[in-house]
All heavy atoms as atom14 arrays in JSON, in Angstrom:
{
  "sequence": "KFTSLIKYIPLVLIKKMTPNDLRNKLNESVPHYISTLPLKK",
  "atom14_mask": [
    [1, 1, 1, 1, 1, 1, 1, 1, 1, 0, 0, 0, 0, 0],
    [1, 1, 1, 1, 1, 1, 1, 1, 1, 1, 1, 0, 0, 0],
    [1, 1, 1, 1, 1, 1, 1, 0, 0, 0, 0, 0, 0, 0],
    [1, 1, 1, 1, 1, 1, 0, 0, 0, 0, 0, 0, 0, 0],
    [1, 1, 1, 1, 1, 1, 1, 1, 0, 0, 0, 0, 0, 0],
    [1, 1, 1, 1, 1, 1, 1, 1, 0, 0, 0, 0, 0, 0],
    [1, 1, 1, 1, 1, 1, 1, 1, 1, 0, 0, 0, 0, 0],
    [1, 1, 1, 1, 1, 1, 1, 1, 1, 1, 1, 1, 0, 0],
    [1, 1, 1, 1, 1, 1, 1, 1, 0, 0, 0, 0, 0, 0],
    [1, 1, 1, 1, 1, 1, 1, 0, 0, 0, 0, 0, 0, 0],
    [1, 1, 1, 1, 1, 1, 1, 1, 0, 0, 0, 0, 0, 0],
    [1, 1, 1, 1, 1, 1, 1, 0, 0, 0, 0, 0, 0, 0],
    [1, 1, 1, 1, 1, 1, 1, 1, 0, 0, 0, 0, 0, 0],
    [1, 1, 1, 1, 1, 1, 1, 1, 0, 0, 0, 0, 0, 0],
    [1, 1, 1, 1, 1, 1, 1, 1, 1, 0, 0, 0, 0, 0],
    [1, 1, 1, 1, 1, 1, 1, 1, 1, 0, 0, 0, 0, 0],
    [1, 1, 1, 1, 1, 1, 1, 1, 0, 0, 0, 0, 0, 0],
    [1, 1, 1, 1, 1, 1, 1, 0, 0, 0, 0, 0, 0, 0],
    [1, 1, 1, 1, 1, 1, 1, 0, 0, 0, 0, 0, 0, 0],
    [1, 1, 1, 1, 1, 1, 1, 1, 0, 0, 0, 0, 0, 0],
    [1, 1, 1, 1, 1, 1, 1, 1, 0, 0, 0, 0, 0, 0],
    [1, 1, 1, 1, 1, 1, 1, 1, 0, 0, 0, 0, 0, 0],
    [1, 1, 1, 1, 1, 1, 1, 1, 1, 1, 1, 0, 0, 0],
    [1, 1, 1, 1, 1, 1, 1, 1, 0, 0, 0, 0, 0, 0],
    [1, 1, 1, 1, 1, 1, 1, 1, 1, 0, 0, 0, 0, 0],
    [1, 1, 1, 1, 1, 1, 1, 1, 0, 0, 0, 0, 0, 0],
    [1, 1, 1, 1, 1, 1, 1, 1, 0, 0, 0, 0, 0, 0],
    [1, 1, 1, 1, 1, 1, 1, 1, 1, 0, 0, 0, 0, 0],
    [1, 1, 1, 1, 1, 1, 0, 0, 0, 0, 0, 0, 0, 0],
    [1, 1, 1, 1, 1, 1, 1, 0, 0, 0, 0, 0, 0, 0],
    [1, 1, 1, 1, 1, 1, 1, 0, 0, 0, 0, 0, 0, 0],
    [1, 1, 1, 1, 1, 1, 1, 1, 1, 1, 0, 0, 0, 0],
    [1, 1, 1, 1, 1, 1, 1, 1, 1, 1, 1, 1, 0, 0],
    [1, 1, 1, 1, 1, 1, 1, 1, 0, 0, 0, 0, 0, 0],
    [1, 1, 1, 1, 1, 1, 0, 0, 0, 0, 0, 0, 0, 0],
    [1, 1, 1, 1, 1, 1, 1, 0, 0, 0, 0, 0, 0, 0],
    [1, 1, 1, 1, 1, 1, 1, 1, 0, 0, 0, 0, 0, 0],
    [1, 1, 1, 1, 1, 1, 1, 0, 0, 0, 0, 0, 0, 0],
    [1, 1, 1, 1, 1, 1, 1, 1, 0, 0, 0, 0, 0, 0],
    [1, 1, 1, 1, 1, 1, 1, 1, 1, 0, 0, 0, 0, 0],
    [1, 1, 1, 1, 1, 1, 1, 1, 1, 0, 0, 0, 0, 0]
  ],
  "atom14_positions": [
    [[96.03, 107.09, 98.22], [96.64, 106.49, 97.03], [95.92, 105.17, 96.72], [96.08, 104.2, 97.43], [98.12, 106.23, 97.28], [98.96, 106.18, 96.04], [100.44, 106.25, 96.38], [101.28, 106.29, 95.1], [102.73, 106.42, 95.41], [0.0, 0.0, 0.0], [0.0, 0.0, 0.0], [0.0, 0.0, 0.0], [0.0, 0.0, 0.0], [0.0, 0.0, 0.0]],
    [[95.11, 105.2, 95.66], [94.31, 104.02, 95.33], [95.18, 102.83, 94.96], [94.78, 101.67, 95.12], [93.33, 104.34, 94.2], [92.18, 105.18, 94.64], [92.23, 106.57, 94.55], [91.05, 104.58, 95.19], [91.16, 107.33, 94.98], [89.98, 105.36, 95.62], [90.04, 106.75, 95.52], [0.0, 0.0, 0.0], [0.0, 0.0, 0.0], [0.0, 0.0, 0.0]],
    [[96.4, 103.09, 94.43], [97.25, 101.98, 94.02], [97.66, 101.11, 95.21], [97.99, 99.94, 95.04], [98.53, 102.5, 93.32], [99.16, 103.46, 94.16], [98.17, 103.15, 91.98], [0.0, 0.0, 0.0], [0.0, 0.0, 0.0], [0.0, 0.0, 0.0], [0.0, 0.0, 0.0], [0.0, 0.0, 0.0], [0.0, 0.0, 0.0], [0.0, 0.0, 0.0]],
    [[97.6, 101.68, 96.42], [97.96, 100.91, 97.6], [96.92, 99.84, 97.93], [97.15, 98.97, 98.76], [98.12, 101.85, 98.81], [96.89, 102.45, 99.15], [0.0, 0.0, 0.0], [0.0, 0.0, 0.0], [0.0, 0.0, 0.0], [0.0, 0.0, 0.0], [0.0, 0.0, 0.0], [0.0, 0.0, 0.0], [0.0, 0.0, 0.0], [0.0, 0.0, 0.0]],
    [[95.75, 99.92, 97.27], [94.67, 98.96, 97.54], [94.63, 97.81, 96.55], [93.83, 96.86, 96.74], [93.33, 99.68, 97.52], [93.12, 100.81, 98.55], [91.73, 101.39, 98.4], [93.35, 100.31, 99.95], [0.0, 0.0, 0.0], [0.0, 0.0, 0.0], [0.0, 0.0, 0.0], [0.0, 0.0, 0.0], [0.0, 0.0, 0.0], [0.0, 0.0, 0.0]],
    [[95.45, 97.88, 95.52], [95.41, 96.85, 94.48], [95.57, 95.45, 95.04], [94.89, 94.51, 94.63], [96.49, 97.13, 93.4], [96.14, 98.42, 92.64], [96.63, 95.96, 92.44], [97.18, 98.86, 91.63], [0.0, 0.0, 0.0], [0.0, 0.0, 0.0], [0.0, 0.0, 0.0], [0.0, 0.0, 0.0], [0.0, 0.0, 0.0], [0.0, 0.0, 0.0]],
    [[96.44, 95.33, 96.05], [96.71, 94.0, 96.62], [95.49, 93.4, 97.31], [95.43, 92.2, 97.56], [97.88, 94.09, 97.6], [97.63, 95.04, 98.76], [98.89, 95.17, 99.63], [98.69, 96.2, 100.73], [99.91, 96.41, 101.53], [0.0, 0.0, 0.0], [0.0, 0.0, 0.0], [0.0, 0.0, 0.0], [0.0, 0.0, 0.0], [0.0, 0.0, 0.0]],
    [[94.5, 94.26, 97.64], [93.32, 93.76, 98.34], [92.19, 93.35, 97.39], [91.22, 92.71, 97.82], [92.79, 94.82, 99.31], [93.77, 95.2, 100.39], [94.32, 96.46, 100.42], [94.14, 94.29, 101.39], [95.21, 96.84, 101.43], [95.02, 94.64, 102.39], [95.58, 95.93, 102.39], [96.45, 96.27, 103.39], [0.0, 0.0, 0.0], [0.0, 0.0, 0.0]],
    [[92.28, 93.76, 96.12], [91.21, 93.51, 95.16], [90.87, 92.02, 95.03], [89.69, 91.63, 95.05], [91.55, 94.09, 93.77], [91.72, 95.62, 93.87], [90.48, 93.74, 92.76], [90.49, 96.35, 94.32], [0.0, 0.0, 0.0], [0.0, 0.0, 0.0], [0.0, 0.0, 0.0], [0.0, 0.0, 0.0], [0.0, 0.0, 0.0], [0.0, 0.0, 0.0]],
    [[91.88, 91.11, 94.95], [91.54, 89.68, 94.87], [90.73, 89.2, 96.07], [89.85, 88.34, 95.91], [92.93, 89.0, 94.84], [93.85, 90.04, 94.26], [93.33, 91.35, 94.8], [0.0, 0.0, 0.0], [0.0, 0.0, 0.0], [0.0, 0.0, 0.0], [0.0, 0.0, 0.0], [0.0, 0.0, 0.0], [0.0, 0.0, 0.0], [0.0, 0.0, 0.0]],
    [[90.99, 89.76, 97.26], [90.25, 89.35, 98.45], [88.8, 89.78, 98.35], [87.9, 89.07, 98.81], [90.89, 89.95, 99.71], [92.31, 89.46, 100.03], [92.85, 90.22, 101.24], [92.31, 87.97, 100.29], [0.0, 0.0, 0.0], [0.0, 0.0, 0.0], [0.0, 0.0, 0.0], [0.0, 0.0, 0.0], [0.0, 0.0, 0.0], [0.0, 0.0, 0.0]],
    [[88.54, 90.94, 97.72], [87.17, 91.39, 97.52], [86.48, 90.5, 96.52], [85.31, 90.11, 96.7], [87.15, 92.87, 97.04], [85.72, 93.3, 96.71], [87.75, 93.78, 98.11], [0.0, 0.0, 0.0], [0.0, 0.0, 0.0], [0.0, 0.0, 0.0], [0.0, 0.0, 0.0], [0.0, 0.0, 0.0], [0.0, 0.0, 0.0], [0.0, 0.0, 0.0]],
    [[87.19, 90.11, 95.46], [86.6, 89.29, 94.41], [86.21, 87.93, 94.9], [85.2, 87.36, 94.45], [87.58, 89.17, 93.23], [87.88, 90.47, 92.47], [88.94, 90.24, 91.4], [86.6, 91.03, 91.83], [0.0, 0.0, 0.0], [0.0, 0.0, 0.0], [0.0, 0.0, 0.0], [0.0, 0.0, 0.0], [0.0, 0.0, 0.0], [0.0, 0.0, 0.0]],
    [[87.0, 87.39, 95.85], [86.62, 86.06, 96.37], [85.82, 86.18, 97.67], [85.62, 85.21, 98.39], [87.89, 85.19, 96.62], [88.81, 85.84, 97.67], [88.61, 84.92, 95.3], [90.01, 84.96, 98.03], [0.0, 0.0, 0.0], [0.0, 0.0, 0.0], [0.0, 0.0, 0.0], [0.0, 0.0, 0.0], [0.0, 0.0, 0.0], [0.0, 0.0, 0.0]],
    [[85.4, 87.4, 97.97], [84.51, 87.71, 99.07], [85.1, 87.39, 100.46], [84.39, 87.05, 101.39], [83.17, 87.01, 98.9], [82.41, 87.46, 97.65], [81.05, 86.86, 97.53], [80.34, 87.4, 96.29], [78.99, 86.82, 96.12], [0.0, 0.0, 0.0], [0.0, 0.0, 0.0], [0.0, 0.0, 0.0], [0.0, 0.0, 0.0], [0.0, 0.0, 0.0]],
    [[86.42, 87.53, 100.56], [87.07, 87.43, 101.85], [87.27, 88.82, 102.47], [87.74, 88.96, 103.6], [88.42, 86.7, 101.74], [88.26, 85.21, 101.51], [89.57, 84.48, 101.75], [89.34, 82.96, 101.67], [90.62, 82.22, 101.93], [0.0, 0.0, 0.0], [0.0, 0.0, 0.0], [0.0, 0.0, 0.0], [0.0, 0.0, 0.0], [0.0, 0.0, 0.0]],
    [[86.93, 89.82, 101.69], [86.95, 91.21, 102.16], [85.76, 91.92, 101.53], [85.51, 91.78, 100.33], [88.28, 91.89, 101.79], [88.35, 93.36, 102.22], [89.91, 94.14, 101.76], [90.99, 93.5, 103.01], [0.0, 0.0, 0.0], [0.0, 0.0, 0.0], [0.0, 0.0, 0.0], [0.0, 0.0, 0.0], [0.0, 0.0, 0.0], [0.0, 0.0, 0.0]],
    [[85.02, 92.68, 102.33], [83.87, 93.4, 101.81], [84.3, 94.75, 101.22], [85.37, 95.27, 101.57], [82.84, 93.65, 102.9], [83.39, 94.59, 103.84], [82.46, 92.37, 103.62], [0.0, 0.0, 0.0], [0.0, 0.0, 0.0], [0.0, 0.0, 0.0], [0.0, 0.0, 0.0], [0.0, 0.0, 0.0], [0.0, 0.0, 0.0], [0.0, 0.0, 0.0]],
    [[83.47, 95.35, 100.35], [83.76, 96.69, 99.85], [83.95, 97.7, 100.99], [84.75, 98.62, 100.89], [82.54, 97.02, 98.98], [82.05, 95.7, 98.51], [82.29, 94.78, 99.67], [0.0, 0.0, 0.0], [0.0, 0.0, 0.0], [0.0, 0.0, 0.0], [0.0, 0.0, 0.0], [0.0, 0.0, 0.0], [0.0, 0.0, 0.0], [0.0, 0.0, 0.0]],
    [[83.2, 97.52, 102.08], [83.33, 98.42, 103.21], [84.68, 98.24, 103.9], [85.3, 99.19, 104.37], [82.21, 98.2, 104.23], [82.07, 99.35, 105.19], [82.01, 100.52, 104.78], [82.03, 99.08, 106.49], [0.0, 0.0, 0.0], [0.0, 0.0, 0.0], [0.0, 0.0, 0.0], [0.0, 0.0, 0.0], [0.0, 0.0, 0.0], [0.0, 0.0, 0.0]],
    [[85.18, 96.98, 103.94], [86.51, 96.72, 104.48], [87.56, 97.45, 103.62], [88.53, 98.02, 104.14], [86.83, 95.23, 104.47], [85.99, 94.44, 105.48], [85.56, 95.04, 106.46], [85.78, 93.24, 105.25], [0.0, 0.0, 0.0], [0.0, 0.0, 0.0], [0.0, 0.0, 0.0], [0.0, 0.0, 0.0], [0.0, 0.0, 0.0], [0.0, 0.0, 0.0]],
    [[87.34, 97.42, 102.31], [88.25, 98.09, 101.39], [88.24, 99.6, 101.63], [89.3, 100.26, 101.62], [87.85, 97.78, 99.95], [88.88, 98.11, 98.87], [90.12, 97.23, 99.03], [88.26, 97.91, 97.5], [0.0, 0.0, 0.0], [0.0, 0.0, 0.0], [0.0, 0.0, 0.0], [0.0, 0.0, 0.0], [0.0, 0.0, 0.0], [0.0, 0.0, 0.0]],
    [[87.04, 100.12, 101.87], [86.93, 101.56, 102.15], [87.67, 101.9, 103.45], [88.33, 102.95, 103.55], [85.44, 101.95, 102.27], [85.21, 103.4, 102.58], [83.71, 103.71, 102.65], [83.52, 105.11, 102.97], [83.51, 105.62, 104.19], [83.71, 104.81, 105.25], [83.34, 106.89, 104.4], [0.0, 0.0, 0.0], [0.0, 0.0, 0.0], [0.0, 0.0, 0.0]],
    [[87.58, 101.05, 104.45], [88.28, 101.29, 105.7], [89.79, 101.28, 105.5], [90.5, 102.07, 106.11], [87.88, 100.26, 106.74], [86.45, 100.43, 107.24], [85.91, 101.55, 107.19], [85.82, 99.37, 107.68], [0.0, 0.0, 0.0], [0.0, 0.0, 0.0], [0.0, 0.0, 0.0], [0.0, 0.0, 0.0], [0.0, 0.0, 0.0], [0.0, 0.0, 0.0]],
    [[90.27, 100.36, 104.64], [91.7, 100.33, 104.32], [92.13, 101.64, 103.65], [93.22, 102.16, 103.91], [92.0, 99.15, 103.4], [91.92, 97.79, 104.05], [93.11, 97.56, 104.97], [93.08, 96.14, 105.54], [94.18, 95.95, 106.53], [0.0, 0.0, 0.0], [0.0, 0.0, 0.0], [0.0, 0.0, 0.0], [0.0, 0.0, 0.0], [0.0, 0.0, 0.0]],
    [[91.25, 102.14, 102.78], [91.53, 103.41, 102.09], [91.63, 104.55, 103.12], [92.53, 105.38, 103.06], [90.43, 103.71, 101.07], [90.7, 104.81, 100.06], [91.87, 104.44, 99.14], [89.46, 105.11, 99.22], [0.0, 0.0, 0.0], [0.0, 0.0, 0.0], [0.0, 0.0, 0.0], [0.0, 0.0, 0.0], [0.0, 0.0, 0.0], [0.0, 0.0, 0.0]],
    [[90.68, 104.56, 104.05], [90.71, 105.59, 105.08], [91.97, 105.5, 105.94], [92.52, 106.52, 106.37], [89.46, 105.47, 105.97], [88.21, 105.99, 105.3], [88.28, 106.78, 104.36], [87.07, 105.55, 105.76], [0.0, 0.0, 0.0], [0.0, 0.0, 0.0], [0.0, 0.0, 0.0], [0.0, 0.0, 0.0], [0.0, 0.0, 0.0], [0.0, 0.0, 0.0]],
    [[92.4, 104.27, 106.2], [93.59, 104.07, 107.02], [94.86, 104.62, 106.35], [95.81, 104.97, 107.02], [93.79, 102.58, 107.32], [92.75, 102.02, 108.31], [92.8, 100.49, 108.37], [93.74, 99.9, 107.78], [91.91, 99.9, 109.02], [0.0, 0.0, 0.0], [0.0, 0.0, 0.0], [0.0, 0.0, 0.0], [0.0, 0.0, 0.0], [0.0, 0.0, 0.0]],
    [[94.83, 104.69, 105.03], [95.98, 105.16, 104.29], [96.09, 106.68, 104.21], [97.12, 107.23, 103.79], [95.97, 104.58, 102.87], [94.97, 105.18, 102.08], [0.0, 0.0, 0.0], [0.0, 0.0, 0.0], [0.0, 0.0, 0.0], [0.0, 0.0, 0.0], [0.0, 0.0, 0.0], [0.0, 0.0, 0.0], [0.0, 0.0, 0.0], [0.0, 0.0, 0.0]],
    [[95.03, 107.37, 104.61], [94.98, 108.82, 104.45], [96.06, 109.57, 105.23], [96.75, 110.42, 104.65], [93.56, 109.36, 104.81], [93.56, 110.89, 104.87], [92.54, 108.87, 103.81], [0.0, 0.0, 0.0], [0.0, 0.0, 0.0], [0.0, 0.0, 0.0], [0.0, 0.0, 0.0], [0.0, 0.0, 0.0], [0.0, 0.0, 0.0], [0.0, 0.0, 0.0]],
    [[96.26, 109.3, 106.52], [97.27, 110.08, 107.26], [98.66, 110.02, 106.64], [99.35, 111.02, 106.55], [97.25, 109.43, 108.64], [95.89, 108.83, 108.78], [95.55, 108.36, 107.41], [0.0, 0.0, 0.0], [0.0, 0.0, 0.0], [0.0, 0.0, 0.0], [0.0, 0.0, 0.0], [0.0, 0.0, 0.0], [0.0, 0.0, 0.0], [0.0, 0.0, 0.0]],
    [[99.06, 108.83, 106.18], [100.38, 108.7, 105.57], [100.46, 109.48, 104.26], [101.45, 110.19, 103.99], [100.71, 107.22, 105.3], [102.06, 107.0, 104.67], [102.23, 106.86, 103.31], [103.3, 106.94, 105.23], [103.51, 106.71, 103.03], [104.18, 106.75, 104.19], [0.0, 0.0, 0.0], [0.0, 0.0, 0.0], [0.0, 0.0, 0.0], [0.0, 0.0, 0.0]],
    [[99.41, 109.4, 103.46], [99.39, 110.11, 102.18], [99.46, 111.62, 102.41], [100.28, 112.31, 101.79], [98.13, 109.75, 101.4], [98.0, 110.47, 100.06], [98.7, 110.02, 98.95], [97.2, 111.59, 99.94], [98.59, 110.67, 97.73], [97.09, 112.26, 98.71], [97.79, 111.8, 97.63], [97.69, 112.44, 96.42], [0.0, 0.0, 0.0], [0.0, 0.0, 0.0]],
    [[98.59, 112.14, 103.26], [98.56, 113.58, 103.51], [99.87, 114.07, 104.12], [100.4, 115.13, 103.74], [97.39, 113.94, 104.46], [96.06, 113.65, 103.76], [97.45, 115.4, 104.93], [95.8, 114.49, 102.51], [0.0, 0.0, 0.0], [0.0, 0.0, 0.0], [0.0, 0.0, 0.0], [0.0, 0.0, 0.0], [0.0, 0.0, 0.0], [0.0, 0.0, 0.0]],
    [[100.41, 113.31, 105.05], [101.59, 113.77, 105.81], [102.89, 113.65, 105.03], [103.88, 114.29, 105.38], [101.69, 112.98, 107.11], [100.5, 113.14, 107.89], [0.0, 0.0, 0.0], [0.0, 0.0, 0.0], [0.0, 0.0, 0.0], [0.0, 0.0, 0.0], [0.0, 0.0, 0.0], [0.0, 0.0, 0.0], [0.0, 0.0, 0.0], [0.0, 0.0, 0.0]],
    [[102.91, 112.84, 103.96], [104.14, 112.65, 103.19], [104.03, 113.2, 101.77], [104.99, 113.07, 100.99], [104.54, 111.17, 103.12], [103.5, 110.44, 102.46], [104.74, 110.6, 104.53], [0.0, 0.0, 0.0], [0.0, 0.0, 0.0], [0.0, 0.0, 0.0], [0.0, 0.0, 0.0], [0.0, 0.0, 0.0], [0.0, 0.0, 0.0], [0.0, 0.0, 0.0]],
    [[102.92, 113.8, 101.42], [102.75, 114.33, 100.06], [103.8, 115.41, 99.79], [103.88, 116.39, 100.53], [101.33, 114.92, 99.94], [100.8, 115.22, 98.53], [100.67, 113.93, 97.71], [99.47, 115.93, 98.62], [0.0, 0.0, 0.0], [0.0, 0.0, 0.0], [0.0, 0.0, 0.0], [0.0, 0.0, 0.0], [0.0, 0.0, 0.0], [0.0, 0.0, 0.0]],
    [[104.6, 115.25, 98.74], [105.65, 116.24, 98.46], [105.07, 117.62, 98.22], [103.98, 117.76, 97.66], [106.32, 115.69, 97.19], [105.97, 114.22, 97.16], [104.61, 114.12, 97.8], [0.0, 0.0, 0.0], [0.0, 0.0, 0.0], [0.0, 0.0, 0.0], [0.0, 0.0, 0.0], [0.0, 0.0, 0.0], [0.0, 0.0, 0.0], [0.0, 0.0, 0.0]],
    [[105.83, 118.64, 98.62], [105.37, 120.02, 98.49], [105.05, 120.36, 97.04], [104.09, 121.09, 96.77], [106.42, 120.96, 99.06], [105.96, 122.4, 99.34], [104.8, 122.42, 100.33], [107.14, 123.23, 99.9], [0.0, 0.0, 0.0], [0.0, 0.0, 0.0], [0.0, 0.0, 0.0], [0.0, 0.0, 0.0], [0.0, 0.0, 0.0], [0.0, 0.0, 0.0]],
    [[105.82, 119.83, 96.13], [105.58, 120.11, 94.7], [104.2, 119.59, 94.3], [103.47, 120.24, 93.55], [106.67, 119.44, 93.86], [106.51, 119.68, 92.36], [107.63, 119.0, 91.58], [107.44, 119.22, 90.07], [108.51, 118.52, 89.3], [0.0, 0.0, 0.0], [0.0, 0.0, 0.0], [0.0, 0.0, 0.0], [0.0, 0.0, 0.0], [0.0, 0.0, 0.0]],
    [[103.84, 118.4, 94.81], [102.53, 117.82, 94.5], [101.41, 118.61, 95.17], [100.35, 118.81, 94.59], [102.5, 116.36, 94.97], [101.22, 115.63, 94.62], [101.02, 115.45, 93.13], [99.79, 114.64, 92.82], [99.54, 114.52, 91.36], [0.0, 0.0, 0.0], [0.0, 0.0, 0.0], [0.0, 0.0, 0.0], [0.0, 0.0, 0.0], [0.0, 0.0, 0.0]]
  ]
}
């Protein structure tokens, strides 16, 4: 869920977080997304 990363965008813009750090955060969110995705979705 890309919307879960919105809170990190300011940190990337001020260079306190790298794009690769952001990618790692995205990867970290995968298990929760996959495991809780509603059956209808």
